Amino acid sequence: MEGTILVADDDRTIRTVLAQALTRAGCRVRATGTAATLWRWIEEGEGDVVVTDVMMPDGDALDLLPAIRKRRPDLPVIVMSAQNTVMTAIRAAEVGAYEYLPKPFDLKEVLGQVGKALQQKSRRPPQVEEEPAGREDNLPLIGRSPAMQEVYRILARLMNTDLGVMITGESGTGKELVARALHNYGLRKAGPFVAVNMAAIPRDLIESELFGHEKGAFTGADRAMAGKFEQARGGTLFLDEVGDMPLDAQTRLLRVLQEGEFTRVGGREVQSADVRIIAATHQDLRALINEGRFREDLFYRLNVVPIRLPPLRERLDDVPDLARAFLRKAEGEGLPRKIISKEAVDLLKKQEWTGNVRELENLVRRLCVLCPDDIISGPVVAREIATRPSSALPPQGAQPQRLSHAIEAHLRRYFELHGDSLPPDGLYDRILKEMELPLIALSLAATRGNQVRTAELLGINRNTLRKKIKDLDIRVTRGKRMM
């Protein structure tokens, strides 16, 4: 490590230990026991990294952090404290500390954090992703890709109509945002927008939730309640995950759509269904119809104008705009202001995004909280992507990807995890072992442990199979199919 480290701690022993360790690591060290001296050195332009205790005899180092960031915004400050409570960690993050370490500290961890701070400071400042011309912060939907342009064209034609709409797309693609845009810019914008998730309501309460009920209509109905159709009168009723409706509720909904009126559960008063219906689902309703789980006549009533929302993997060119929009949204909600580098955006554009736009937004929020720097860099994004939960199954409604694509995505994340350095040697054998083990184990399970049949299935010699079973320590269970 090369650089000058400013160490501030009122404990002489700690100053000595840190100074000796940092010097052995190749750094120059200036150490002090007061906050005043530390601030003087910073004002004079001294130091590449600061390591300071929180409680100093002449002040609180965390109170000094805002002034340091204003005077020297590129100076990383690592704070340590024996008052290692959650509030200390929160305060350190709020005032912009590069890292917070509780006392007693691990000397290797301190050296590691100093090394990271020096490495980051010595790197060329990351190229920041520029905002496109004509940016608007209040757009209801974000994206300039051809896939989204087609969605916009359909929406534009629907704004001045009262037609029913069926929005389809994978979870996390923004179906409710589209429904709200149709309402907010349509003929019924002066009325209420009421959303109901059919998958979140107990099956025996769906009719009551939609149409309301009278007092005493069923056990527990101790008072009358207006349903969603009444609440949305004059506006829009958004039926999310409509494929999860039970058949009896589908029948009643169909009758309401046909007749334009309904009664509360247990009631007799006929009310008009003065609402625009927008439905949404991530399921294949035609497949549900074939299985007898969804009424075909209801499908045609709801599916007057279909809108398919593309998954994020079909509109990766929109990732930069989406990421910047989520950063601004997070800042408006009180999270630290961040800028994203071009390298980081390029990494985001290479991901699969099985959780679609919602997954991207959650990742951006996490980066706002966890990234200690003002600029979110490529290595930070790579580390966060490598640790995010992933699914071995393709997203609902997605076409199965080729095995080579899945392997490539896995290896790409593996290399990105190591940043600028290469993975440990022996990668070829490790990857082959990772592929061989599940392949052989699943083949054995499919043949109920029959090794002769498994060898034929895999196209290898039986003796070769036996050796691999032994080398990979695969347990063979005969007579029971595990798939």
Protein backbone atom coordinates (compact mmCIF):
# COMPACT_ATOMS: atom_id res chain seq x y z
CA MET A 1 0.00 0.00 0.00
CA GLU A 2 1.20 3.50 -0.78
CA GLY A 3 -0.21 6.70 0.68
CA THR A 4 -0.37 8.87 3.76
CA ILE A 5 -2.74 7.78 6.52
CA LEU A 6 -3.96 10.22 9.17
CA VAL A 7 -4.61 8.34 12.43
CA ALA A 8 -6.56 10.06 15.22
CA ASP A 9 -7.19 8.34 18.56
CA ASP A 10 -6.83 9.53 22.12
CA ASP A 11 -5.44 6.12 23.14
CA ARG A 12 -1.65 6.16 22.65
CA THR A 13 -1.48 2.34 22.47
CA ILE A 14 -4.00 2.20 19.63
CA ARG A 15 -2.16 4.96 17.76
CA THR A 16 1.11 3.03 18.09
CA VAL A 17 -0.40 -0.30 16.97
CA LEU A 18 -2.06 1.28 13.93
CA ALA A 19 0.99 3.33 13.00
CA GLN A 20 3.32 0.31 13.15
CA ALA A 21 0.96 -1.93 11.15
CA LEU A 22 0.33 0.70 8.47
CA THR A 23 4.03 1.52 8.22
CA ARG A 24 4.90 -2.16 7.74
CA ALA A 25 2.26 -2.25 4.99
CA GLY A 26 4.14 0.51 3.14
CA CYS A 27 2.19 3.62 4.21
CA ARG A 28 3.33 6.88 5.66
CA VAL A 29 1.52 7.66 8.92
CA ARG A 30 0.78 10.85 10.86
CA ALA A 31 -0.90 10.22 14.22
CA THR A 32 -2.59 12.55 16.68
CA GLY A 33 -4.69 12.38 19.81
CA THR A 34 -6.93 15.41 19.09
CA ALA A 35 -9.63 16.30 16.59
CA ALA A 36 -8.21 19.83 16.24
CA THR A 37 -4.86 18.58 14.91
CA LEU A 38 -6.61 16.16 12.58
CA TRP A 39 -8.73 18.99 11.13
CA ARG A 40 -5.63 21.19 10.67
CA TRP A 41 -3.89 18.45 8.68
CA ILE A 42 -6.99 17.98 6.54
CA GLU A 43 -7.25 21.72 5.86
CA GLU A 44 -3.60 21.72 4.80
CA GLY A 45 -4.32 18.96 2.26
CA GLU A 46 -2.52 16.22 4.16
CA GLY A 47 -3.45 12.55 3.97
CA ASP A 48 -4.98 10.10 1.52
CA VAL A 49 -7.12 8.25 4.09
CA VAL A 50 -8.26 9.07 7.63
CA VAL A 51 -8.64 6.49 10.41
CA THR A 52 -10.22 8.10 13.45
CA ASP A 53 -11.89 7.25 16.72
CA VAL A 54 -15.33 8.78 17.25
CA MET A 55 -14.93 10.13 20.78
CA MET A 56 -11.95 12.48 20.96
CA PRO A 57 -10.99 14.63 24.00
CA ASP A 58 -11.88 17.83 22.13
CA GLY A 59 -14.93 16.70 20.18
CA ASP A 60 -16.92 14.06 18.33
CA ALA A 61 -15.32 12.98 15.05
CA LEU A 62 -18.74 12.31 13.53
CA ASP A 63 -19.60 15.99 14.02
CA LEU A 64 -16.48 16.79 11.98
CA LEU A 65 -17.40 14.54 9.05
CA PRO A 66 -19.71 16.99 7.19
CA ALA A 67 -16.98 19.63 7.22
CA ILE A 68 -14.42 17.10 5.98
CA ARG A 69 -16.67 15.99 3.14
CA LYS A 70 -17.29 19.60 2.15
CA ARG A 71 -13.59 20.52 2.28
CA ARG A 72 -12.16 17.23 0.94
CA PRO A 73 -15.01 15.25 -0.70
CA ASP A 74 -12.59 12.64 -2.10
CA LEU A 75 -10.96 11.89 1.30
CA PRO A 76 -12.13 8.51 2.70
CA VAL A 77 -12.73 8.57 6.46
CA ILE A 78 -12.81 5.28 8.39
CA VAL A 79 -14.32 5.74 11.85
CA MET A 80 -13.95 3.42 14.84
CA SER A 81 -15.82 3.44 18.12
CA ALA A 82 -16.01 1.51 21.39
CA GLN A 83 -19.63 2.70 21.59
CA ASN A 84 -20.55 0.07 19.04
CA THR A 85 -24.31 0.49 19.06
CA VAL A 86 -26.58 0.55 16.05
CA MET A 87 -27.05 4.31 16.46
CA THR A 88 -23.30 4.88 16.13
CA ALA A 89 -23.26 2.92 12.88
CA ILE A 90 -26.32 4.82 11.64
CA ARG A 91 -24.77 8.20 12.48
CA ALA A 92 -21.54 7.22 10.72
CA ALA A 93 -23.46 6.32 7.57
CA GLU A 94 -25.58 9.47 7.70
CA VAL A 95 -22.56 11.80 7.83
CA GLY A 96 -20.77 9.99 5.01
CA ALA A 97 -18.11 7.84 6.69
CA TYR A 98 -16.32 5.55 4.23
CA GLU A 99 -16.54 2.67 6.71
CA TYR A 100 -17.47 2.11 10.34
CA LEU A 101 -15.53 -0.41 12.47
CA PRO A 102 -16.44 -1.28 16.06
CA LYS A 103 -13.81 -1.56 18.78
CA PRO A 104 -12.06 -3.78 19.65
CA PHE A 105 -11.13 -3.93 15.98
CA ASP A 106 -9.52 -6.64 13.87
CA LEU A 107 -6.20 -5.22 12.68
CA LYS A 108 -6.38 -7.16 9.40
CA GLU A 109 -9.81 -5.69 8.71
CA VAL A 110 -8.53 -2.17 9.34
CA LEU A 111 -5.63 -2.73 6.94
CA GLY A 112 -8.00 -4.22 4.40
CA GLN A 113 -10.35 -1.24 4.52
CA VAL A 114 -7.44 1.21 4.28
CA GLY A 115 -6.13 -0.71 1.27
CA LYS A 116 -9.54 -0.56 -0.43
CA ALA A 117 -9.82 3.16 0.26
CA LEU A 118 -6.35 3.84 -1.15
CA GLN A 119 -7.00 1.71 -4.22
CA GLN A 120 -10.27 3.47 -4.90
CA LYS A 121 -8.70 6.90 -4.42
CA SER A 122 -5.81 6.12 -6.78
CA ARG A 123 -8.06 4.88 -9.57
CA ARG A 124 -9.10 7.27 -12.29
CA PRO A 125 -12.47 8.80 -11.39
CA PRO A 126 -15.20 6.64 -12.94
CA GLN A 127 -16.91 7.96 -16.02
CA VAL A 128 -20.36 9.04 -14.92
CA GLU A 129 -23.33 7.98 -17.03
CA GLU A 130 -24.70 11.17 -18.56
CA GLU A 131 -28.35 12.14 -18.39
CA PRO A 132 -30.10 12.14 -21.78
CA ALA A 133 -31.31 15.43 -23.18
CA GLY A 134 -34.89 16.36 -22.37
CA ARG A 135 -35.09 14.29 -19.20
CA GLU A 136 -38.39 14.45 -17.36
CA ASP A 137 -38.69 13.28 -13.76
CA ASN A 138 -42.45 12.83 -13.63
CA LEU A 139 -43.06 10.46 -16.51
CA PRO A 140 -45.53 7.69 -15.57
CA LEU A 141 -43.50 5.10 -17.49
CA ILE A 142 -39.79 5.03 -18.28
CA GLY A 143 -38.04 3.59 -21.32
CA ARG A 144 -37.12 4.48 -24.89
CA SER A 145 -36.64 0.94 -26.26
CA PRO A 146 -38.68 -0.27 -29.28
CA ALA A 147 -40.54 -2.71 -27.00
CA MET A 148 -41.75 0.13 -24.77
CA GLN A 149 -42.52 2.40 -27.72
CA GLU A 150 -45.06 -0.20 -28.85
CA VAL A 151 -46.66 -0.12 -25.39
CA TYR A 152 -46.84 3.68 -25.56
CA ARG A 153 -48.56 3.59 -28.95
CA ILE A 154 -51.29 1.29 -27.61
CA LEU A 155 -51.74 3.44 -24.49
CA ALA A 156 -52.09 6.59 -26.60
CA ARG A 157 -54.95 5.02 -28.55
CA LEU A 158 -56.71 3.93 -25.35
CA MET A 159 -56.59 7.19 -23.40
CA ASN A 160 -59.84 8.58 -24.81
CA THR A 161 -61.79 5.33 -24.60
CA ASP A 162 -63.50 3.40 -21.83
CA LEU A 163 -62.61 -0.03 -23.18
CA GLY A 164 -61.57 -2.87 -20.91
CA VAL A 165 -57.87 -3.71 -20.93
CA MET A 166 -55.96 -6.90 -20.11
CA ILE A 167 -52.31 -6.31 -19.15
CA THR A 168 -50.07 -9.37 -19.25
CA GLY A 169 -46.44 -9.73 -18.28
CA GLU A 170 -44.10 -11.35 -15.81
CA SER A 171 -44.05 -10.30 -12.17
CA GLY A 172 -42.18 -7.05 -11.69
CA THR A 173 -42.69 -5.61 -15.19
CA GLY A 174 -44.87 -2.71 -13.99
CA LYS A 175 -48.44 -3.77 -14.74
CA GLU A 176 -49.96 -1.53 -12.07
CA LEU A 177 -47.95 1.46 -13.37
CA VAL A 178 -49.52 0.96 -16.80
CA ALA A 179 -52.98 0.68 -15.25
CA ARG A 180 -52.44 3.92 -13.31
CA ALA A 181 -51.22 5.69 -16.46
CA LEU A 182 -54.39 4.61 -18.29
CA HIS A 183 -56.46 6.03 -15.45
CA ASN A 184 -54.50 9.24 -14.80
CA TYR A 185 -54.51 10.29 -18.47
CA GLY A 186 -57.89 8.86 -19.44
CA LEU A 187 -61.54 9.88 -19.40
CA ARG A 188 -62.01 8.82 -15.76
CA LYS A 189 -59.01 10.62 -14.25
CA ALA A 190 -61.30 12.70 -11.99
CA GLY A 191 -62.60 9.50 -10.37
CA PRO A 192 -60.85 7.12 -7.98
CA PHE A 193 -58.31 4.47 -8.95
CA VAL A 194 -58.88 1.33 -6.87
CA ALA A 195 -56.49 -1.62 -7.08
CA VAL A 196 -57.21 -5.08 -5.70
CA ASN A 197 -54.85 -8.05 -5.79
CA MET A 198 -56.94 -11.16 -6.28
CA ALA A 199 -54.10 -13.44 -5.14
CA ALA A 200 -53.93 -11.69 -1.75
CA ILE A 201 -57.61 -12.17 -0.78
CA PRO A 202 -58.89 -15.38 0.86
CA ARG A 203 -61.03 -17.21 -1.69
CA ASP A 204 -64.18 -17.14 0.46
CA LEU A 205 -63.92 -13.33 0.86
CA ILE A 206 -63.37 -12.32 -2.78
CA GLU A 207 -67.05 -11.63 -3.54
CA SER A 208 -67.42 -9.55 -0.38
CA GLU A 209 -64.23 -7.64 -1.24
CA LEU A 210 -65.42 -6.86 -4.78
CA PHE A 211 -69.13 -6.25 -4.25
CA GLY A 212 -69.38 -5.43 -0.54
CA HIS A 213 -71.73 -7.02 1.99
CA GLU A 214 -74.59 -6.14 4.29
CA LYS A 215 -74.51 -6.52 8.05
CA GLY A 216 -75.16 -10.15 9.03
CA ALA A 217 -74.57 -11.47 5.50
CA PHE A 218 -72.20 -14.11 6.92
CA THR A 219 -70.45 -14.99 10.15
CA GLY A 220 -68.27 -12.08 11.20
CA ALA A 221 -70.10 -9.48 9.08
CA ASP A 222 -70.92 -7.24 12.05
CA ARG A 223 -71.34 -4.17 9.87
CA ALA A 224 -72.11 -3.29 6.25
CA MET A 225 -69.11 -2.71 3.97
CA ALA A 226 -68.78 -1.15 0.54
CA GLY A 227 -66.88 -3.26 -1.98
CA LYS A 228 -64.29 -2.24 -4.54
CA PHE A 229 -66.91 -1.68 -7.25
CA GLU A 230 -68.59 0.95 -5.06
CA GLN A 231 -65.29 2.52 -4.01
CA ALA A 232 -64.22 2.84 -7.66
CA ARG A 233 -67.53 4.28 -8.91
CA GLY A 234 -66.84 6.83 -11.63
CA GLY A 235 -63.22 5.73 -11.88
CA THR A 236 -61.08 2.67 -12.58
CA LEU A 237 -61.04 -0.74 -10.92
CA PHE A 238 -57.75 -2.56 -11.38
CA LEU A 239 -58.04 -6.33 -10.90
CA ASP A 240 -54.48 -7.55 -10.44
CA GLU A 241 -53.65 -11.28 -10.75
CA VAL A 242 -57.13 -11.97 -12.10
CA GLY A 243 -56.06 -15.52 -12.97
CA ASP A 244 -56.19 -16.37 -9.25
CA MET A 245 -59.95 -15.78 -8.97
CA PRO A 246 -61.99 -18.86 -7.99
CA LEU A 247 -64.59 -20.00 -10.54
CA ASP A 248 -67.65 -18.94 -8.50
CA ALA A 249 -66.27 -15.39 -8.20
CA GLN A 250 -65.50 -15.41 -11.93
CA THR A 251 -69.14 -16.28 -12.64
CA ARG A 252 -70.40 -13.36 -10.58
CA LEU A 253 -67.89 -10.95 -12.10
CA LEU A 254 -68.97 -12.02 -15.59
CA ARG A 255 -72.61 -11.32 -14.72
CA VAL A 256 -71.72 -7.86 -13.45
CA LEU A 257 -69.76 -7.07 -16.62
CA GLN A 258 -72.64 -8.28 -18.80
CA GLU A 259 -75.43 -6.50 -16.92
CA GLY A 260 -73.55 -3.45 -15.66
CA GLU A 261 -74.99 -3.79 -12.14
CA PHE A 262 -74.53 -5.76 -8.91
CA THR A 263 -75.82 -6.23 -5.38
CA ARG A 264 -73.88 -6.52 -2.16
CA VAL A 265 -73.50 -9.98 -0.62
CA GLY A 266 -76.65 -10.48 1.46
CA GLY A 267 -78.28 -7.38 -0.02
CA ARG A 268 -81.11 -6.61 -2.42
CA GLU A 269 -80.39 -3.08 -3.60
CA VAL A 270 -79.19 -3.09 -7.20
CA GLN A 271 -76.26 -0.74 -7.85
CA SER A 272 -74.73 0.32 -11.14
CA ALA A 273 -71.19 -0.88 -11.93
CA ASP A 274 -69.95 2.48 -13.21
CA VAL A 275 -66.27 1.58 -13.47
CA ARG A 276 -63.65 0.94 -16.11
CA ILE A 277 -62.13 -2.51 -15.63
CA ILE A 278 -58.41 -3.03 -16.16
CA ALA A 279 -57.22 -6.56 -15.44
CA ALA A 280 -53.70 -7.93 -15.17
CA THR A 281 -52.04 -11.31 -14.80
CA HIS A 282 -48.65 -12.98 -15.08
CA GLN A 283 -50.33 -16.30 -15.91
CA ASP A 284 -51.26 -17.78 -19.29
CA LEU A 285 -55.05 -17.44 -19.15
CA ARG A 286 -55.55 -19.52 -22.30
CA ALA A 287 -53.78 -22.41 -20.60
CA LEU A 288 -55.99 -21.93 -17.53
CA ILE A 289 -59.05 -22.02 -19.81
CA ASN A 290 -57.89 -25.34 -21.27
CA GLU A 291 -57.47 -26.68 -17.73
CA GLY A 292 -60.97 -25.55 -16.77
CA ARG A 293 -59.67 -23.04 -14.22
CA PHE A 294 -60.71 -19.83 -15.99
CA ARG A 295 -63.95 -19.00 -17.81
CA GLU A 296 -63.47 -18.43 -21.52
CA ASP A 297 -66.42 -16.01 -21.71
CA LEU A 298 -64.93 -13.91 -18.88
CA PHE A 299 -61.59 -13.90 -20.66
CA TYR A 300 -63.14 -12.34 -23.77
CA ARG A 301 -64.99 -9.77 -21.64
CA LEU A 302 -61.76 -8.68 -19.95
CA ASN A 303 -59.42 -9.06 -22.91
CA VAL A 304 -60.99 -6.35 -25.08
CA VAL A 305 -57.62 -4.68 -25.67
CA PRO A 306 -54.55 -6.71 -24.69
CA ILE A 307 -51.27 -5.07 -23.64
CA ARG A 308 -48.18 -7.22 -23.19
CA LEU A 309 -45.46 -5.70 -21.06
CA PRO A 310 -41.99 -6.87 -22.12
CA PRO A 311 -39.66 -8.35 -19.50
CA LEU A 312 -36.60 -6.28 -18.70
CA ARG A 313 -34.32 -8.68 -20.60
CA GLU A 314 -36.15 -7.60 -23.80
CA ARG A 315 -35.56 -3.91 -23.11
CA LEU A 316 -32.03 -3.76 -21.65
CA ASP A 317 -31.44 -0.42 -23.39
CA ASP A 318 -33.86 1.06 -20.84
CA VAL A 319 -31.68 0.02 -17.88
CA PRO A 320 -29.69 3.33 -17.74
CA ASP A 321 -32.87 5.46 -17.68
CA LEU A 322 -34.50 3.17 -15.12
CA ALA A 323 -31.44 3.12 -12.85
CA ARG A 324 -31.14 6.91 -12.86
CA ALA A 325 -34.87 7.29 -12.20
CA PHE A 326 -34.66 4.92 -9.23
CA LEU A 327 -31.67 6.85 -7.86
CA ARG A 328 -33.67 10.09 -8.01
CA LYS A 329 -36.68 8.39 -6.43
CA ALA A 330 -34.52 7.02 -3.61
CA GLU A 331 -33.02 10.46 -3.00
CA GLY A 332 -36.52 11.95 -2.83
CA GLU A 333 -37.38 9.40 -0.15
CA GLY A 334 -34.44 10.43 2.02
CA LEU A 335 -31.73 8.00 0.90
CA PRO A 336 -28.22 9.35 0.14
CA ARG A 337 -27.77 11.03 -3.24
CA LYS A 338 -25.79 8.83 -5.61
CA ILE A 339 -24.52 9.00 -9.19
CA ILE A 340 -23.95 5.83 -11.20
CA SER A 341 -20.87 5.26 -13.36
CA LYS A 342 -20.97 4.14 -16.98
CA GLU A 343 -19.08 0.96 -16.05
CA ALA A 344 -21.74 0.15 -13.44
CA VAL A 345 -24.56 0.72 -15.93
CA ASP A 346 -22.85 -1.54 -18.47
CA LEU A 347 -22.75 -4.31 -15.84
CA LEU A 348 -26.45 -3.83 -15.07
CA LYS A 349 -27.29 -4.16 -18.76
CA LYS A 350 -25.64 -7.61 -18.89
CA GLN A 351 -27.85 -9.19 -16.22
CA GLU A 352 -30.79 -11.54 -16.71
CA TRP A 353 -33.18 -9.68 -14.32
CA THR A 354 -35.54 -12.55 -13.60
CA GLY A 355 -37.36 -10.19 -11.21
CA ASN A 356 -37.61 -7.55 -13.95
CA VAL A 357 -37.92 -3.82 -13.19
CA ARG A 358 -38.84 -4.46 -9.55
CA GLU A 359 -35.60 -6.40 -9.01
CA LEU A 360 -33.57 -3.59 -10.60
CA GLU A 361 -35.24 -1.01 -8.37
CA ASN A 362 -34.54 -3.06 -5.26
CA LEU A 363 -30.87 -3.41 -6.25
CA VAL A 364 -30.55 0.34 -6.84
CA ARG A 365 -32.06 1.07 -3.41
CA ARG A 366 -29.62 -1.37 -1.83
CA LEU A 367 -26.70 0.34 -3.56
CA CYS A 368 -27.88 3.74 -2.31
CA VAL A 369 -27.72 2.44 1.26
CA LEU A 370 -24.62 0.24 1.15
CA CYS A 371 -22.29 2.09 -1.24
CA PRO A 372 -20.07 4.42 0.84
CA ASP A 373 -19.12 6.64 -2.11
CA ASP A 374 -21.05 9.31 -3.98
CA ILE A 375 -20.45 7.48 -7.28
CA ILE A 376 -21.63 3.88 -7.62
CA SER A 377 -18.76 2.15 -9.40
CA GLY A 378 -18.56 -1.03 -11.47
CA PRO A 379 -16.80 -3.16 -8.79
CA VAL A 380 -19.45 -2.21 -6.22
CA VAL A 381 -22.24 -3.29 -8.58
CA ALA A 382 -20.38 -6.51 -9.44
CA ARG A 383 -20.09 -7.46 -5.76
CA GLU A 384 -23.75 -6.72 -5.10
CA ILE A 385 -24.92 -8.65 -8.17
CA ALA A 386 -22.82 -11.65 -7.19
CA THR A 387 -24.49 -11.84 -3.77
CA ARG A 388 -28.07 -11.19 -4.84
CA PRO A 389 -30.52 -14.11 -4.67
CA SER A 390 -30.90 -15.95 -7.97
CA SER A 391 -33.25 -18.63 -9.20
CA ALA A 392 -32.30 -21.75 -11.08
CA LEU A 393 -35.70 -21.69 -12.81
CA PRO A 394 -36.62 -19.37 -15.68
CA PRO A 395 -39.14 -16.64 -14.79
CA GLN A 396 -42.81 -17.38 -15.28
CA GLY A 397 -43.81 -16.97 -18.90
CA ALA A 398 -40.21 -16.90 -20.11
CA GLN A 399 -38.81 -19.14 -22.80
CA PRO A 400 -36.24 -21.60 -21.37
CA GLN A 401 -32.78 -20.32 -22.15
CA ARG A 402 -30.14 -22.51 -23.77
CA LEU A 403 -27.77 -24.25 -21.35
CA SER A 404 -24.80 -22.41 -22.85
CA HIS A 405 -26.45 -19.08 -22.05
CA ALA A 406 -27.05 -20.09 -18.43
CA ILE A 407 -23.44 -21.27 -18.07
CA GLU A 408 -22.15 -18.06 -19.63
CA ALA A 409 -24.21 -15.95 -17.22
CA HIS A 410 -22.92 -17.99 -14.27
CA LEU A 411 -19.28 -17.65 -15.37
CA ARG A 412 -19.69 -13.94 -16.06
CA ARG A 413 -20.87 -13.38 -12.48
CA TYR A 414 -17.98 -15.57 -11.25
CA PHE A 415 -15.38 -13.39 -13.00
CA GLU A 416 -17.12 -10.13 -12.01
CA LEU A 417 -17.05 -11.24 -8.37
CA HIS A 418 -13.25 -11.06 -8.43
CA GLY A 419 -13.20 -7.52 -9.85
CA ASP A 420 -9.92 -6.64 -11.56
CA SER A 421 -8.14 -9.80 -10.31
CA LEU A 422 -8.51 -13.29 -11.76
CA PRO A 423 -10.12 -16.23 -9.94
CA PRO A 424 -7.81 -18.83 -8.32
CA ASP A 425 -6.02 -21.22 -10.68
CA GLY A 426 -7.62 -24.55 -11.57
CA LEU A 427 -10.83 -23.01 -12.85
CA TYR A 428 -11.35 -25.57 -15.65
CA ASP A 429 -11.48 -28.59 -13.32
CA ARG A 430 -13.65 -26.75 -10.76
CA ILE A 431 -16.25 -25.76 -13.34
CA LEU A 432 -16.32 -29.24 -14.88
CA LYS A 433 -16.90 -30.73 -11.43
CA GLU A 434 -19.73 -28.27 -10.76
CA MET A 435 -21.42 -29.37 -14.00
CA GLU A 436 -20.72 -33.09 -13.68
CA LEU A 437 -22.08 -33.54 -10.17
CA PRO A 438 -25.70 -32.42 -10.77
CA LEU A 439 -25.74 -34.04 -14.24
CA ILE A 440 -24.76 -37.46 -12.93
CA ALA A 441 -26.83 -37.18 -9.73
CA LEU A 442 -30.00 -36.22 -11.62
CA SER A 443 -29.44 -38.93 -14.24
CA LEU A 444 -29.06 -41.56 -11.49
CA ALA A 445 -32.22 -40.29 -9.84
CA ALA A 446 -34.12 -40.48 -13.13
CA THR A 447 -33.06 -44.12 -13.69
CA ARG A 448 -33.77 -45.10 -10.06
CA GLY A 449 -30.09 -45.75 -9.43
CA ASN A 450 -29.62 -48.11 -12.40
CA GLN A 451 -25.98 -47.50 -13.29
CA VAL A 452 -26.11 -49.47 -16.56
CA ARG A 453 -29.03 -47.37 -17.77
CA THR A 454 -27.42 -44.17 -16.47
CA ALA A 455 -24.18 -44.89 -18.36
CA GLU A 456 -26.21 -45.42 -21.54
CA LEU A 457 -28.19 -42.23 -20.91
CA LEU A 458 -25.00 -40.21 -20.45
CA GLY A 459 -23.17 -41.98 -23.28
CA ILE A 460 -20.18 -42.99 -21.17
CA ASN A 461 -18.57 -46.27 -20.14
CA ARG A 462 -20.00 -47.94 -17.01
CA ASN A 463 -16.55 -48.08 -15.38
CA THR A 464 -16.13 -44.35 -16.05
CA LEU A 465 -19.48 -43.72 -14.38
CA ARG A 466 -18.50 -45.75 -11.31
CA LYS A 467 -15.25 -43.80 -10.96
CA LYS A 468 -17.05 -40.47 -11.23
CA ILE A 469 -19.65 -41.55 -8.64
CA LYS A 470 -16.79 -42.34 -6.27
CA ASP A 471 -14.76 -39.20 -7.04
CA LEU A 472 -17.77 -36.90 -6.72
CA ASP A 473 -19.04 -38.74 -3.62
CA ILE A 474 -22.55 -39.24 -5.07
CA ARG A 475 -24.92 -41.36 -3.02
CA VAL A 476 -26.85 -43.84 -5.17
CA THR A 477 -30.38 -44.88 -4.09
CA ARG A 478 -31.81 -47.77 -6.07
CA GLY A 479 -35.47 -48.33 -6.83
CA LYS A 480 -36.68 -44.79 -6.05
CA ARG A 481 -37.13 -42.15 -8.68
CA MET A 482 -36.26 -38.72 -7.31
CA MET A 483 -37.52 -36.60 -10.22
